[in-house]
Amino acid sequence: GCGRSEAAPPHAAVDGRIVDLGRVGIPVGSADVSVLATLTTAGFVPVVASIGLGADGRLFNVNADTFAGHVAARLGARRLVIAGTTPGVLDEAGATIPVVDVDGAARLIGGGTATAGMIAKLRACTDALAGGVGDVLIVNGGDAATLEAAAADGAPPGTTRLVPATAAAGRA
């Protein structure tokens, strides 16, 4: 029951058309993560496909980052590590931004700096923070050492940590 989902709402395309996303789903709050909690407490690392299940039995394709953020929040995870194809969130010049608060994430999305898959990653991360996940990182998934360090110890150099708006303000 951890993959309970519903159909994603229609999407506004760049040209203004409204597009029905069909079998694309979004996770719902009634997801039961008790099996995952049991497995992680016992020291297992469950691998979960991001296939959602609707109340009517329909299957949905759920974005893996979105699903990971949702499950992390439902589990009360200490840390969420999102692996991408870049070394974290990049600024306009292509440099990794070490810390991004939720307001900064919204500005990156709204301003067009974050595009495509990074938008889903940033939204998943901000949702996970809002759901109580304490440490949220975006790292280069192609670098095994960085990925392992992020999972075990937190944000290694060259990665991005997402923080609540109040936490970032306190760092200034």
N, C-alpha and C. Protein backbone atom coordinates (compact mmCIF):
# COMPACT_ATOMS: atom_id res chain seq x y z
N GLY A 1 0.79 -1.21 0.00
CA GLY A 1 0.00 0.00 0.00
C GLY A 1 0.82 1.27 0.00
N CYS A 2 2.16 1.17 -0.11
CA CYS A 2 2.97 2.40 -0.05
C CYS A 2 2.87 3.22 -1.32
N GLY A 3 2.35 2.66 -2.37
CA GLY A 3 2.28 3.37 -3.65
C GLY A 3 0.91 3.93 -3.98
N ARG A 4 0.08 4.14 -2.98
CA ARG A 4 -1.25 4.70 -3.26
C ARG A 4 -1.10 6.03 -3.99
N SER A 5 -1.81 6.16 -5.10
CA SER A 5 -1.67 7.33 -5.95
C SER A 5 -3.00 7.69 -6.56
N GLU A 6 -3.02 8.87 -7.17
CA GLU A 6 -4.17 9.30 -7.94
C GLU A 6 -3.66 9.95 -9.22
N ALA A 7 -4.55 10.13 -10.16
CA ALA A 7 -4.15 10.73 -11.44
C ALA A 7 -3.62 12.15 -11.20
N ALA A 8 -2.54 12.49 -11.87
CA ALA A 8 -2.00 13.84 -11.79
C ALA A 8 -2.97 14.79 -12.48
N PRO A 9 -3.07 16.01 -11.99
CA PRO A 9 -3.97 16.96 -12.65
C PRO A 9 -3.45 17.33 -14.04
N PRO A 10 -4.30 17.85 -14.90
CA PRO A 10 -3.85 18.28 -16.21
C PRO A 10 -2.70 19.27 -16.08
N HIS A 11 -1.84 19.27 -17.08
CA HIS A 11 -0.61 20.08 -17.07
C HIS A 11 -0.72 21.16 -18.14
N ALA A 12 -0.27 22.37 -17.81
CA ALA A 12 -0.23 23.45 -18.79
C ALA A 12 1.08 23.36 -19.56
N ALA A 13 1.01 23.11 -20.85
CA ALA A 13 2.20 23.02 -21.70
C ALA A 13 2.78 24.42 -21.92
N VAL A 14 4.01 24.47 -22.40
CA VAL A 14 4.68 25.74 -22.66
C VAL A 14 3.87 26.63 -23.60
N ASP A 15 3.19 26.00 -24.56
CA ASP A 15 2.41 26.80 -25.52
C ASP A 15 1.02 27.15 -25.00
N GLY A 16 0.74 26.81 -23.72
CA GLY A 16 -0.54 27.18 -23.12
C GLY A 16 -1.61 26.11 -23.19
N ARG A 17 -1.39 25.07 -24.01
CA ARG A 17 -2.38 23.99 -24.09
C ARG A 17 -2.46 23.26 -22.76
N ILE A 18 -3.64 22.78 -22.41
CA ILE A 18 -3.83 21.95 -21.22
C ILE A 18 -3.76 20.50 -21.68
N VAL A 19 -2.86 19.73 -21.03
CA VAL A 19 -2.60 18.36 -21.45
C VAL A 19 -3.03 17.40 -20.34
N ASP A 20 -3.87 16.43 -20.69
CA ASP A 20 -4.23 15.37 -19.77
C ASP A 20 -3.05 14.40 -19.71
N LEU A 21 -2.51 14.15 -18.53
CA LEU A 21 -1.32 13.32 -18.40
C LEU A 21 -1.63 11.82 -18.36
N GLY A 22 -2.88 11.45 -18.49
CA GLY A 22 -3.24 10.04 -18.61
C GLY A 22 -2.88 9.23 -17.38
N ARG A 23 -1.96 8.30 -17.53
CA ARG A 23 -1.58 7.37 -16.45
C ARG A 23 -0.43 7.88 -15.58
N VAL A 24 -0.18 9.19 -15.60
CA VAL A 24 0.81 9.76 -14.69
C VAL A 24 0.10 10.00 -13.37
N GLY A 25 0.74 9.57 -12.29
CA GLY A 25 0.12 9.70 -10.98
C GLY A 25 0.94 10.51 -10.01
N ILE A 26 0.28 10.87 -8.91
CA ILE A 26 0.94 11.53 -7.80
C ILE A 26 0.58 10.76 -6.53
N PRO A 27 1.52 10.64 -5.60
CA PRO A 27 1.25 9.90 -4.37
C PRO A 27 0.19 10.60 -3.53
N VAL A 28 -0.57 9.83 -2.77
CA VAL A 28 -1.57 10.38 -1.86
C VAL A 28 -1.18 10.06 -0.42
N GLY A 29 -1.71 10.83 0.49
CA GLY A 29 -1.35 10.73 1.90
C GLY A 29 -1.73 9.43 2.58
N SER A 30 -2.63 8.66 2.00
CA SER A 30 -3.07 7.43 2.66
C SER A 30 -2.13 6.26 2.44
N ALA A 31 -1.00 6.51 1.83
CA ALA A 31 -0.04 5.43 1.57
C ALA A 31 0.39 4.78 2.89
N ASP A 32 0.44 3.46 2.90
CA ASP A 32 0.84 2.69 4.08
C ASP A 32 2.29 2.26 3.91
N VAL A 33 3.17 2.86 4.69
CA VAL A 33 4.59 2.54 4.57
C VAL A 33 5.07 1.61 5.69
N SER A 34 4.15 0.93 6.35
CA SER A 34 4.53 0.10 7.49
C SER A 34 5.49 -1.03 7.10
N VAL A 35 5.32 -1.63 5.94
CA VAL A 35 6.24 -2.69 5.51
C VAL A 35 7.63 -2.10 5.29
N LEU A 36 7.70 -0.92 4.67
CA LEU A 36 8.99 -0.27 4.46
C LEU A 36 9.64 0.09 5.80
N ALA A 37 8.84 0.56 6.75
CA ALA A 37 9.37 0.91 8.08
C ALA A 37 9.93 -0.33 8.76
N THR A 38 9.26 -1.44 8.66
CA THR A 38 9.74 -2.69 9.25
C THR A 38 11.06 -3.12 8.61
N LEU A 39 11.12 -3.03 7.29
CA LEU A 39 12.33 -3.43 6.58
C LEU A 39 13.52 -2.53 6.93
N THR A 40 13.30 -1.22 6.94
CA THR A 40 14.42 -0.31 7.24
C THR A 40 14.86 -0.43 8.68
N THR A 41 13.93 -0.64 9.59
CA THR A 41 14.29 -0.83 11.00
C THR A 41 15.14 -2.08 11.18
N ALA A 42 14.89 -3.09 10.36
CA ALA A 42 15.65 -4.34 10.42
C ALA A 42 16.97 -4.26 9.66
N GLY A 43 17.29 -3.07 9.09
CA GLY A 43 18.57 -2.89 8.42
C GLY A 43 18.56 -3.15 6.94
N PHE A 44 17.40 -3.38 6.36
CA PHE A 44 17.30 -3.60 4.93
C PHE A 44 17.15 -2.27 4.19
N VAL A 45 17.58 -2.24 2.95
CA VAL A 45 17.36 -1.08 2.09
C VAL A 45 16.39 -1.54 1.00
N PRO A 46 15.11 -1.24 1.18
CA PRO A 46 14.14 -1.69 0.18
C PRO A 46 14.29 -0.91 -1.13
N VAL A 47 14.09 -1.58 -2.22
CA VAL A 47 14.07 -0.95 -3.54
C VAL A 47 12.61 -0.97 -3.97
N VAL A 48 12.08 0.22 -4.24
CA VAL A 48 10.65 0.35 -4.51
C VAL A 48 10.46 0.95 -5.90
N ALA A 49 9.70 0.27 -6.74
CA ALA A 49 9.37 0.82 -8.05
C ALA A 49 8.39 1.97 -7.87
N SER A 50 8.51 2.97 -8.68
CA SER A 50 7.63 4.14 -8.54
C SER A 50 6.38 3.97 -9.41
N ILE A 51 5.70 2.86 -9.16
CA ILE A 51 4.42 2.57 -9.81
C ILE A 51 3.34 2.78 -8.77
N GLY A 52 2.45 3.70 -9.06
CA GLY A 52 1.37 4.00 -8.13
C GLY A 52 0.16 3.13 -8.39
N LEU A 53 -0.64 2.96 -7.34
CA LEU A 53 -1.85 2.17 -7.43
C LEU A 53 -3.03 3.04 -7.00
N GLY A 54 -3.97 3.23 -7.92
CA GLY A 54 -5.15 4.02 -7.61
C GLY A 54 -6.15 3.24 -6.78
N ALA A 55 -7.08 3.94 -6.17
CA ALA A 55 -8.11 3.31 -5.34
C ALA A 55 -8.94 2.32 -6.15
N ASP A 56 -9.03 2.54 -7.47
CA ASP A 56 -9.80 1.67 -8.34
C ASP A 56 -8.95 0.56 -8.96
N GLY A 57 -7.68 0.45 -8.55
CA GLY A 57 -6.80 -0.59 -9.07
C GLY A 57 -5.98 -0.19 -10.27
N ARG A 58 -6.21 1.03 -10.82
CA ARG A 58 -5.41 1.48 -11.97
C ARG A 58 -3.98 1.73 -11.54
N LEU A 59 -3.05 1.43 -12.45
CA LEU A 59 -1.64 1.69 -12.19
C LEU A 59 -1.25 3.04 -12.78
N PHE A 60 -0.34 3.73 -12.07
CA PHE A 60 0.12 5.03 -12.52
C PHE A 60 1.64 5.06 -12.53
N ASN A 61 2.19 5.79 -13.49
CA ASN A 61 3.62 6.07 -13.54
C ASN A 61 3.85 7.30 -12.66
N VAL A 62 4.56 7.13 -11.54
CA VAL A 62 4.83 8.23 -10.63
C VAL A 62 6.31 8.60 -10.78
N ASN A 63 6.60 9.89 -10.90
CA ASN A 63 7.98 10.34 -10.98
C ASN A 63 8.75 9.78 -9.78
N ALA A 64 9.91 9.18 -10.03
CA ALA A 64 10.68 8.52 -8.96
C ALA A 64 11.12 9.49 -7.89
N ASP A 65 11.51 10.71 -8.25
CA ASP A 65 11.90 11.69 -7.24
C ASP A 65 10.71 12.08 -6.38
N THR A 66 9.58 12.30 -7.01
CA THR A 66 8.35 12.64 -6.29
C THR A 66 7.99 11.53 -5.32
N PHE A 67 8.06 10.29 -5.80
CA PHE A 67 7.72 9.14 -4.97
C PHE A 67 8.70 9.00 -3.80
N ALA A 68 9.99 9.20 -4.06
CA ALA A 68 10.99 9.08 -3.00
C ALA A 68 10.77 10.13 -1.92
N GLY A 69 10.49 11.37 -2.31
CA GLY A 69 10.23 12.42 -1.34
C GLY A 69 9.00 12.12 -0.50
N HIS A 70 7.98 11.60 -1.14
CA HIS A 70 6.74 11.25 -0.43
C HIS A 70 6.99 10.13 0.58
N VAL A 71 7.67 9.08 0.15
CA VAL A 71 7.93 7.94 1.04
C VAL A 71 8.84 8.38 2.19
N ALA A 72 9.86 9.18 1.90
CA ALA A 72 10.76 9.66 2.96
C ALA A 72 9.99 10.42 4.02
N ALA A 73 9.08 11.29 3.59
CA ALA A 73 8.28 12.06 4.55
C ALA A 73 7.37 11.14 5.35
N ARG A 74 6.73 10.18 4.69
CA ARG A 74 5.82 9.25 5.39
C ARG A 74 6.57 8.37 6.39
N LEU A 75 7.83 8.05 6.07
CA LEU A 75 8.63 7.23 6.98
C LEU A 75 9.24 8.05 8.11
N GLY A 76 9.22 9.37 7.98
CA GLY A 76 9.92 10.20 8.94
C GLY A 76 11.43 10.03 8.82
N ALA A 77 11.89 9.90 7.59
CA ALA A 77 13.31 9.65 7.33
C ALA A 77 14.18 10.78 7.86
N ARG A 78 15.35 10.43 8.32
CA ARG A 78 16.33 11.41 8.78
C ARG A 78 16.94 12.15 7.59
N ARG A 79 17.15 11.44 6.48
CA ARG A 79 17.81 12.04 5.32
C ARG A 79 17.20 11.47 4.04
N LEU A 80 17.08 12.36 3.05
CA LEU A 80 16.69 11.97 1.70
C LEU A 80 17.81 12.39 0.77
N VAL A 81 18.31 11.45 -0.01
CA VAL A 81 19.33 11.74 -1.01
C VAL A 81 18.72 11.49 -2.38
N ILE A 82 18.65 12.55 -3.18
CA ILE A 82 18.15 12.43 -4.54
C ILE A 82 19.36 12.43 -5.48
N ALA A 83 19.47 11.39 -6.28
CA ALA A 83 20.60 11.25 -7.20
C ALA A 83 20.17 11.71 -8.58
N GLY A 84 20.98 12.58 -9.17
CA GLY A 84 20.69 13.08 -10.51
C GLY A 84 21.89 12.92 -11.42
N THR A 85 21.85 13.61 -12.53
CA THR A 85 22.94 13.53 -13.51
C THR A 85 23.89 14.70 -13.40
N THR A 86 23.63 15.61 -12.47
CA THR A 86 24.51 16.75 -12.23
C THR A 86 24.96 16.72 -10.77
N PRO A 87 26.04 17.40 -10.44
CA PRO A 87 26.51 17.43 -9.05
C PRO A 87 25.69 18.42 -8.21
N GLY A 88 24.44 18.13 -8.03
CA GLY A 88 23.56 19.01 -7.27
C GLY A 88 22.81 19.96 -8.17
N VAL A 89 22.32 21.05 -7.56
CA VAL A 89 21.58 22.06 -8.29
C VAL A 89 22.58 23.07 -8.85
N LEU A 90 22.45 23.37 -10.13
CA LEU A 90 23.40 24.27 -10.79
C LEU A 90 22.81 25.66 -10.97
N ASP A 91 23.68 26.68 -10.84
CA ASP A 91 23.26 28.05 -11.10
C ASP A 91 23.34 28.34 -12.60
N GLU A 92 23.09 29.59 -12.97
CA GLU A 92 23.08 29.97 -14.39
C GLU A 92 24.42 29.72 -15.06
N ALA A 93 25.52 29.79 -14.29
CA ALA A 93 26.86 29.60 -14.85
C ALA A 93 27.29 28.13 -14.85
N GLY A 94 26.45 27.25 -14.33
CA GLY A 94 26.77 25.82 -14.30
C GLY A 94 27.53 25.37 -13.06
N ALA A 95 27.64 26.25 -12.06
CA ALA A 95 28.31 25.89 -10.81
C ALA A 95 27.29 25.33 -9.82
N THR A 96 27.73 24.38 -9.00
CA THR A 96 26.85 23.78 -8.00
C THR A 96 26.53 24.79 -6.91
N ILE A 97 25.26 24.90 -6.57
CA ILE A 97 24.81 25.75 -5.47
C ILE A 97 24.84 24.87 -4.22
N PRO A 98 25.67 25.21 -3.21
CA PRO A 98 25.80 24.32 -2.05
C PRO A 98 24.56 24.24 -1.16
N VAL A 99 23.84 25.36 -1.00
CA VAL A 99 22.64 25.37 -0.15
C VAL A 99 21.55 26.15 -0.87
N VAL A 100 20.36 25.54 -0.91
CA VAL A 100 19.19 26.18 -1.51
C VAL A 100 18.05 26.07 -0.51
N ASP A 101 17.43 27.21 -0.20
CA ASP A 101 16.24 27.13 0.67
C ASP A 101 15.00 26.96 -0.21
N VAL A 102 13.87 26.71 0.43
CA VAL A 102 12.66 26.42 -0.35
C VAL A 102 12.24 27.62 -1.21
N ASP A 103 12.47 28.84 -0.71
CA ASP A 103 12.14 30.00 -1.52
C ASP A 103 13.08 30.10 -2.73
N GLY A 104 14.36 29.79 -2.49
CA GLY A 104 15.33 29.79 -3.59
C GLY A 104 14.99 28.74 -4.63
N ALA A 105 14.50 27.58 -4.17
CA ALA A 105 14.09 26.54 -5.12
C ALA A 105 12.95 27.03 -5.99
N ALA A 106 11.99 27.72 -5.37
CA ALA A 106 10.87 28.27 -6.15
C ALA A 106 11.36 29.30 -7.15
N ARG A 107 12.35 30.11 -6.77
CA ARG A 107 12.90 31.11 -7.69
C ARG A 107 13.64 30.43 -8.85
N LEU A 108 14.38 29.35 -8.56
CA LEU A 108 15.08 28.63 -9.63
C LEU A 108 14.10 28.05 -10.63
N ILE A 109 12.98 27.54 -10.13
CA ILE A 109 11.95 26.98 -11.02
C ILE A 109 11.27 28.09 -11.79
N GLY A 110 10.79 29.11 -11.08
CA GLY A 110 10.05 30.20 -11.71
C GLY A 110 10.89 31.00 -12.69
N GLY A 111 12.18 31.14 -12.41
CA GLY A 111 13.06 31.91 -13.27
C GLY A 111 13.63 31.15 -14.44
N GLY A 112 13.36 29.85 -14.50
CA GLY A 112 13.82 29.06 -15.63
C GLY A 112 15.22 28.48 -15.50
N THR A 113 15.91 28.74 -14.38
CA THR A 113 17.24 28.15 -14.19
C THR A 113 17.12 26.64 -14.02
N ALA A 114 16.15 26.21 -13.22
CA ALA A 114 15.87 24.78 -13.06
C ALA A 114 14.89 24.37 -14.15
N THR A 115 15.22 23.32 -14.86
CA THR A 115 14.36 22.84 -15.93
C THR A 115 14.21 21.33 -15.84
N ALA A 116 13.29 20.82 -16.60
CA ALA A 116 13.07 19.37 -16.78
C ALA A 116 13.11 18.60 -15.47
N GLY A 117 14.01 17.63 -15.38
CA GLY A 117 14.06 16.75 -14.22
C GLY A 117 14.43 17.46 -12.93
N MET A 118 15.17 18.57 -13.01
CA MET A 118 15.54 19.28 -11.79
C MET A 118 14.33 19.90 -11.12
N ILE A 119 13.33 20.28 -11.89
CA ILE A 119 12.10 20.82 -11.31
C ILE A 119 11.45 19.77 -10.42
N ALA A 120 11.32 18.55 -10.92
CA ALA A 120 10.73 17.48 -10.11
C ALA A 120 11.56 17.20 -8.87
N LYS A 121 12.89 17.22 -9.02
CA LYS A 121 13.77 16.99 -7.86
C LYS A 121 13.57 18.07 -6.80
N LEU A 122 13.57 19.33 -7.21
CA LEU A 122 13.40 20.42 -6.25
C LEU A 122 12.04 20.35 -5.57
N ARG A 123 11.01 20.05 -6.32
CA ARG A 123 9.67 19.94 -5.71
C ARG A 123 9.61 18.77 -4.75
N ALA A 124 10.20 17.64 -5.12
CA ALA A 124 10.22 16.48 -4.22
C ALA A 124 10.97 16.81 -2.94
N CYS A 125 12.08 17.52 -3.08
CA CYS A 125 12.89 17.88 -1.91
C CYS A 125 12.16 18.84 -0.99
N THR A 126 11.50 19.86 -1.56
CA THR A 126 10.79 20.81 -0.71
C THR A 126 9.58 20.15 -0.06
N ASP A 127 8.93 19.22 -0.76
CA ASP A 127 7.82 18.47 -0.15
C ASP A 127 8.33 17.59 0.98
N ALA A 128 9.50 16.96 0.80
CA ALA A 128 10.07 16.12 1.85
C ALA A 128 10.41 16.96 3.08
N LEU A 129 11.00 18.14 2.88
CA LEU A 129 11.27 19.03 4.01
C LEU A 129 9.98 19.40 4.72
N ALA A 130 8.96 19.77 3.97
CA ALA A 130 7.67 20.13 4.56
C ALA A 130 7.06 18.96 5.32
N GLY A 131 7.37 17.72 4.87
CA GLY A 131 6.85 16.53 5.52
C GLY A 131 7.68 16.07 6.71
N GLY A 132 8.74 16.80 7.03
CA GLY A 132 9.51 16.49 8.23
C GLY A 132 10.85 15.81 8.04
N VAL A 133 11.26 15.58 6.80
CA VAL A 133 12.58 14.99 6.57
C VAL A 133 13.62 16.03 6.99
N GLY A 134 14.61 15.61 7.78
CA GLY A 134 15.54 16.55 8.37
C GLY A 134 16.67 17.01 7.48
N ASP A 135 17.13 16.17 6.58
CA ASP A 135 18.30 16.50 5.75
C ASP A 135 17.99 16.05 4.33
N VAL A 136 18.04 17.00 3.39
CA VAL A 136 17.67 16.71 2.01
C VAL A 136 18.80 17.15 1.09
N LEU A 137 19.29 16.21 0.29
CA LEU A 137 20.45 16.45 -0.57
C LEU A 137 20.16 16.06 -2.01
N ILE A 138 20.75 16.82 -2.95
CA ILE A 138 20.75 16.43 -4.36
C ILE A 138 22.21 16.24 -4.74
N VAL A 139 22.53 15.04 -5.26
CA VAL A 139 23.92 14.69 -5.56
C VAL A 139 24.04 14.09 -6.95
N ASN A 140 25.27 13.95 -7.41
CA ASN A 140 25.55 13.29 -8.68
C ASN A 140 25.45 11.77 -8.47
N GLY A 141 24.44 11.17 -9.03
CA GLY A 141 24.24 9.73 -8.89
C GLY A 141 25.24 8.90 -9.66
N GLY A 142 25.99 9.52 -10.57
CA GLY A 142 27.00 8.80 -11.33
C GLY A 142 28.32 8.67 -10.60
N ASP A 143 28.44 9.32 -9.46
CA ASP A 143 29.67 9.28 -8.67
C ASP A 143 29.40 8.45 -7.41
N ALA A 144 29.81 7.19 -7.43
CA ALA A 144 29.50 6.26 -6.35
C ALA A 144 30.02 6.75 -5.00
N ALA A 145 31.22 7.32 -4.97
CA ALA A 145 31.79 7.78 -3.70
C ALA A 145 30.98 8.93 -3.12
N THR A 146 30.57 9.86 -3.97
CA THR A 146 29.76 10.99 -3.51
C THR A 146 28.41 10.51 -3.03
N LEU A 147 27.79 9.60 -3.76
CA LEU A 147 26.49 9.07 -3.38
C LEU A 147 26.58 8.36 -2.03
N GLU A 148 27.60 7.53 -1.85
CA GLU A 148 27.78 6.82 -0.59
C GLU A 148 28.04 7.80 0.56
N ALA A 149 28.89 8.79 0.34
CA ALA A 149 29.18 9.78 1.38
C ALA A 149 27.94 10.57 1.76
N ALA A 150 27.14 10.93 0.78
CA ALA A 150 25.92 11.68 1.06
C ALA A 150 24.95 10.84 1.90
N ALA A 151 24.80 9.58 1.57
CA ALA A 151 23.89 8.71 2.31
C ALA A 151 24.37 8.50 3.74
N ALA A 152 25.67 8.37 3.92
CA ALA A 152 26.21 8.05 5.24
C ALA A 152 26.46 9.27 6.11
N ASP A 153 27.00 10.33 5.52
CA ASP A 153 27.53 11.43 6.33
C ASP A 153 26.90 12.79 6.07
N GLY A 154 26.09 12.93 5.06
CA GLY A 154 25.56 14.25 4.73
C GLY A 154 26.17 14.75 3.45
N ALA A 155 26.12 16.05 3.25
CA ALA A 155 26.49 16.65 1.97
C ALA A 155 28.00 16.77 1.78
N PRO A 156 28.58 15.93 0.93
CA PRO A 156 29.99 16.12 0.59
C PRO A 156 30.15 17.34 -0.31
N PRO A 157 31.36 17.86 -0.45
CA PRO A 157 31.58 19.01 -1.33
C PRO A 157 31.06 18.72 -2.74
N GLY A 158 30.52 19.75 -3.37
CA GLY A 158 30.04 19.61 -4.73
C GLY A 158 28.62 19.10 -4.84
N THR A 159 27.89 19.08 -3.73
CA THR A 159 26.50 18.66 -3.75
C THR A 159 25.63 19.81 -3.23
N THR A 160 24.31 19.63 -3.29
CA THR A 160 23.39 20.67 -2.84
C THR A 160 22.56 20.16 -1.67
N ARG A 161 22.50 20.94 -0.62
CA ARG A 161 21.61 20.67 0.52
C ARG A 161 20.43 21.62 0.41
N LEU A 162 19.21 21.08 0.53
CA LEU A 162 18.01 21.92 0.57
C LEU A 162 17.61 22.12 2.02
N VAL A 163 17.21 23.34 2.35
CA VAL A 163 16.88 23.67 3.72
C VAL A 163 15.58 24.48 3.73
N PRO A 164 14.88 24.47 4.88
CA PRO A 164 13.71 25.34 5.00
C PRO A 164 14.13 26.80 4.88
N ALA A 165 13.20 27.66 4.52
CA ALA A 165 13.50 29.09 4.34
C ALA A 165 14.09 29.70 5.60
N THR A 166 13.57 29.35 6.76
CA THR A 166 14.07 29.93 8.00
C THR A 166 15.50 29.50 8.29
N ALA A 167 15.86 28.27 7.92
CA ALA A 167 17.22 27.78 8.16
C ALA A 167 18.23 28.54 7.29
N ALA A 168 17.87 28.81 6.06
CA ALA A 168 18.78 29.53 5.17
C ALA A 168 18.95 30.97 5.64
N ALA A 169 17.87 31.57 6.13
CA ALA A 169 17.96 32.94 6.61
C ALA A 169 18.91 33.03 7.80
N GLY A 170 18.91 31.98 8.64
CA GLY A 170 19.81 31.97 9.79
C GLY A 170 21.26 31.82 9.42
N ARG A 171 21.56 31.34 8.21
CA ARG A 171 22.95 31.15 7.77
C ARG A 171 23.54 32.43 7.21
N ALA A 172 22.69 33.39 6.85
CA ALA A 172 23.18 34.61 6.19
C ALA A 172 23.95 35.50 7.15
